[in-house]
Amino acid sequence: MASEFLHFDANIVTGSITYKHLALIPFMTGVLILAYYYGWYKPKHPEELETM
């Protein structure tokens, strides 16, 4: 989002890879962490108290 705001998202890093493609790495990491938590961890630990 910051790269789009500062207008360097379309700059080419190498080959056909742009900064917009590199932004997928942390985004997909976050999606995978959420999928793990809600799909596997939370259903196996229903008795844990929520802290927030």
C-alpha atoms as a PDB file:
ATOM      1  CA  MET A   1       0.000   0.000   0.000  1.00  0.00           C
ATOM      2  CA  ALA A   2       2.855   2.371   0.746  1.00  0.00           C
ATOM      3  CA  SER A   3       4.463   1.611  -2.610  1.00  0.00           C
ATOM      4  CA  GLU A   4       1.257   2.526  -4.420  1.00  0.00           C
ATOM      5  CA  PHE A   5       0.968   5.744  -2.420  1.00  0.00           C
ATOM      6  CA  LEU A   6       4.577   6.707  -3.220  1.00  0.00           C
ATOM      7  CA  HIS A   7       4.207   5.593  -6.879  1.00  0.00           C
ATOM      8  CA  PHE A   8       7.017   3.060  -7.101  1.00  0.00           C
ATOM      9  CA  ASP A   9       4.860  -0.070  -7.240  1.00  0.00           C
ATOM     10  CA  ALA A  10       5.295  -0.437 -11.013  1.00  0.00           C
ATOM     11  CA  ASN A  11       9.106  -0.170 -10.936  1.00  0.00           C
ATOM     12  CA  ILE A  12      10.821  -3.324 -12.136  1.00  0.00           C
ATOM     13  CA  VAL A  13      13.036  -5.099  -9.609  1.00  0.00           C
ATOM     14  CA  THR A  14      14.362  -7.819 -11.895  1.00  0.00           C
ATOM     15  CA  GLY A  15      12.994  -9.409 -15.044  1.00  0.00           C
ATOM     16  CA  SER A  16       9.230  -9.009 -14.902  1.00  0.00           C
ATOM     17  CA  ILE A  17       9.028  -8.794 -11.082  1.00  0.00           C
ATOM     18  CA  THR A  18       7.820  -5.464  -9.716  1.00  0.00           C
ATOM     19  CA  TYR A  19       7.511  -4.125  -6.186  1.00  0.00           C
ATOM     20  CA  LYS A  20       3.834  -5.004  -6.314  1.00  0.00           C
ATOM     21  CA  HIS A  21       4.833  -8.660  -6.700  1.00  0.00           C
ATOM     22  CA  LEU A  22       7.216  -8.380  -3.748  1.00  0.00           C
ATOM     23  CA  ALA A  23       4.364  -7.064  -1.586  1.00  0.00           C
ATOM     24  CA  LEU A  24       2.697 -10.465  -1.977  1.00  0.00           C
ATOM     25  CA  ILE A  25       5.325 -12.071   0.276  1.00  0.00           C
ATOM     26  CA  PRO A  26       4.304 -10.402   3.583  1.00  0.00           C
ATOM     27  CA  PHE A  27       0.630 -10.396   2.552  1.00  0.00           C
ATOM     28  CA  MET A  28       0.555 -14.137   1.900  1.00  0.00           C
ATOM     29  CA  THR A  29       2.569 -14.783   5.072  1.00  0.00           C
ATOM     30  CA  GLY A  30      -0.149 -13.015   7.048  1.00  0.00           C
ATOM     31  CA  VAL A  31      -2.897 -14.952   5.274  1.00  0.00           C
ATOM     32  CA  LEU A  32      -1.164 -18.245   6.038  1.00  0.00           C
ATOM     33  CA  ILE A  33      -0.714 -17.330   9.711  1.00  0.00           C
ATOM     34  CA  LEU A  34      -4.414 -16.450  10.011  1.00  0.00           C
ATOM     35  CA  ALA A  35      -5.438 -19.638   8.195  1.00  0.00           C
ATOM     36  CA  TYR A  36      -3.291 -21.710  10.565  1.00  0.00           C
ATOM     37  CA  TYR A  37      -4.708 -19.986  13.638  1.00  0.00           C
ATOM     38  CA  TYR A  38      -8.387 -20.128  12.708  1.00  0.00           C
ATOM     39  CA  GLY A  39      -8.276 -23.402  10.792  1.00  0.00           C
ATOM     40  CA  TRP A  40      -6.105 -25.561  13.028  1.00  0.00           C
ATOM     41  CA  TYR A  41      -4.993 -24.003  16.327  1.00  0.00           C
ATOM     42  CA  LYS A  42      -8.177 -22.350  17.607  1.00  0.00           C
ATOM     43  CA  PRO A  43     -10.502 -25.342  17.005  1.00  0.00           C
ATOM     44  CA  LYS A  44      -8.090 -27.601  18.948  1.00  0.00           C
ATOM     45  CA  HIS A  45      -7.865 -25.165  21.895  1.00  0.00           C
ATOM     46  CA  PRO A  46     -11.445 -23.971  22.588  1.00  0.00           C
ATOM     47  CA  GLU A  47     -10.872 -23.713  26.348  1.00  0.00           C
ATOM     48  CA  GLU A  48      -8.183 -21.004  26.098  1.00  0.00           C
ATOM     49  CA  LEU A  49      -9.202 -17.570  27.298  1.00  0.00           C
ATOM     50  CA  GLU A  50      -9.109 -14.681  24.866  1.00  0.00           C
ATOM     51  CA  THR A  51      -6.889 -11.858  26.109  1.00  0.00           C
ATOM     52  CA  MET A  52      -8.415  -9.068  24.070  1.00  0.00           C
END
